[in-house]
């Protein structure tokens, strides 16, 4: 069983944040329930455009399943303790870029 999750970078031109999420985000709704995204948005002073870059990864072998929040938390801890975790233990399968409005 392979687990699908993404390494997401959000940027508003002045600030940037990077965090992991389940699945592969393709729109604002896919990010709204993640605390790291909410923290980034709440730190913005004005409504504005957010650039989103997501690299989707599979961890494990076999058929793919979207990682649960608990599994994303585990991958986040692994990444914090070993910065090369994504390159060493995961397989990048997709890259997605999109823009969204921060406070609509």
Protein backbone atom coordinates (compact mmCIF):
# COMPACT_ATOMS: atom_id res chain seq x y z
CA UNK A 1 0.00 0.00 0.00
CA UNK A 2 1.42 3.37 -1.04
CA UNK A 3 0.34 6.57 0.66
CA UNK A 4 -0.15 9.78 -1.35
CA UNK A 5 0.75 13.12 0.20
CA UNK A 6 2.23 16.43 -0.95
CA UNK A 7 4.98 18.80 0.03
CA UNK A 8 3.36 22.21 -0.42
CA UNK A 9 5.00 25.63 -0.68
CA UNK A 10 2.77 28.71 -0.39
CA UNK A 11 4.02 32.21 -1.10
CA UNK A 12 2.50 35.69 -1.24
CA UNK A 13 5.58 37.43 -2.66
CA UNK A 14 6.81 38.52 0.79
CA UNK A 15 6.41 35.40 2.90
CA UNK A 16 6.64 31.69 2.28
CA UNK A 17 5.67 28.53 4.16
CA UNK A 18 6.25 24.86 3.46
CA UNK A 19 4.26 21.95 4.88
CA UNK A 20 2.87 18.51 4.08
CA UNK A 21 -0.77 17.70 3.31
CA UNK A 22 -2.74 14.59 2.39
CA UNK A 23 -3.30 13.86 -1.28
CA UNK A 24 -2.47 16.44 -3.94
CA UNK A 25 -4.10 19.87 -3.56
CA UNK A 26 -5.57 21.40 -6.70
CA UNK A 27 -7.63 24.23 -5.16
CA UNK A 28 -8.05 26.34 -2.02
CA UNK A 29 -10.51 23.86 -0.47
CA UNK A 30 -7.80 21.19 -0.40
CA UNK A 31 -5.67 23.37 1.91
CA UNK A 32 -8.21 25.05 4.19
CA UNK A 33 -8.30 22.33 6.88
CA UNK A 34 -4.52 22.31 7.38
CA UNK A 35 -3.20 24.33 10.31
CA UNK A 36 0.01 25.34 8.54
CA UNK A 37 -2.01 26.88 5.70
CA UNK A 38 -4.33 28.67 8.14
CA UNK A 39 -1.30 30.07 10.01
CA UNK A 40 0.17 31.36 6.76
CA UNK A 41 -3.09 33.01 5.67
CA UNK A 42 -3.73 34.56 9.07
CA UNK A 43 -0.28 36.17 8.91
CA UNK A 44 -1.13 38.01 5.70
CA UNK A 45 -2.05 41.66 6.21
CA UNK A 46 -4.25 42.18 3.16
CA UNK A 47 -6.29 40.10 0.79
CA UNK A 48 -3.95 38.91 -1.89
CA UNK A 49 -2.84 36.23 -4.26
CA UNK A 50 -1.14 33.15 -2.91
CA UNK A 51 1.07 31.06 -5.19
CA UNK A 52 0.84 27.36 -4.43
CA UNK A 53 3.38 24.75 -5.53
CA UNK A 54 2.80 21.11 -4.57
CA UNK A 55 4.97 18.08 -5.22
CA UNK A 56 2.96 14.88 -4.78
CA UNK A 57 4.77 11.85 -3.33
CA UNK A 58 4.03 8.17 -2.78
CA UNK A 59 5.41 6.41 0.28
CA UNK A 60 5.40 2.64 0.05
CA UNK A 61 4.63 0.19 -2.73
CA UNK A 62 1.48 -0.99 -4.43
CA UNK A 63 -1.83 0.74 -4.94
CA UNK A 64 -2.10 4.33 -3.82
CA UNK A 65 -4.28 5.64 -1.00
CA UNK A 66 -4.56 9.22 0.21
CA UNK A 67 -2.62 9.57 3.44
CA UNK A 68 -4.63 10.27 6.60
CA UNK A 69 -3.79 13.31 8.76
CA UNK A 70 -2.03 11.03 11.27
CA UNK A 71 0.19 9.67 8.52
CA UNK A 72 0.95 13.21 7.29
CA UNK A 73 1.98 14.10 10.87
CA UNK A 74 4.31 11.08 10.89
CA UNK A 75 5.84 12.11 7.54
CA UNK A 76 6.29 15.65 8.89
CA UNK A 77 8.24 14.27 11.87
CA UNK A 78 10.35 12.09 9.55
CA UNK A 79 11.10 15.09 7.34
CA UNK A 80 12.06 17.21 10.36
CA UNK A 81 14.50 14.57 11.61
CA UNK A 82 15.86 13.67 8.16
CA UNK A 83 15.69 16.49 5.57
CA UNK A 84 16.33 14.03 2.72
CA UNK A 85 13.33 11.84 3.67
CA UNK A 86 11.34 12.74 0.54
CA UNK A 87 14.25 12.06 -1.83
CA UNK A 88 15.43 8.92 -0.02
CA UNK A 89 12.19 7.16 0.90
CA UNK A 90 9.45 8.51 -1.38
CA UNK A 91 8.67 8.66 -5.07
CA UNK A 92 7.62 11.99 -6.60
CA UNK A 93 4.66 11.40 -8.90
CA UNK A 94 3.20 14.82 -9.75
CA UNK A 95 3.80 18.57 -9.54
CA UNK A 96 0.96 21.08 -9.35
CA UNK A 97 1.04 24.88 -9.44
CA UNK A 98 -1.92 27.22 -8.97
CA UNK A 99 -2.90 30.60 -7.54
CA UNK A 100 -5.64 31.44 -5.07
CA UNK A 101 -7.06 34.48 -3.32
CA UNK A 102 -6.15 34.41 0.35
CA UNK A 103 -9.31 35.68 2.05
CA UNK A 104 -12.37 35.19 -0.08
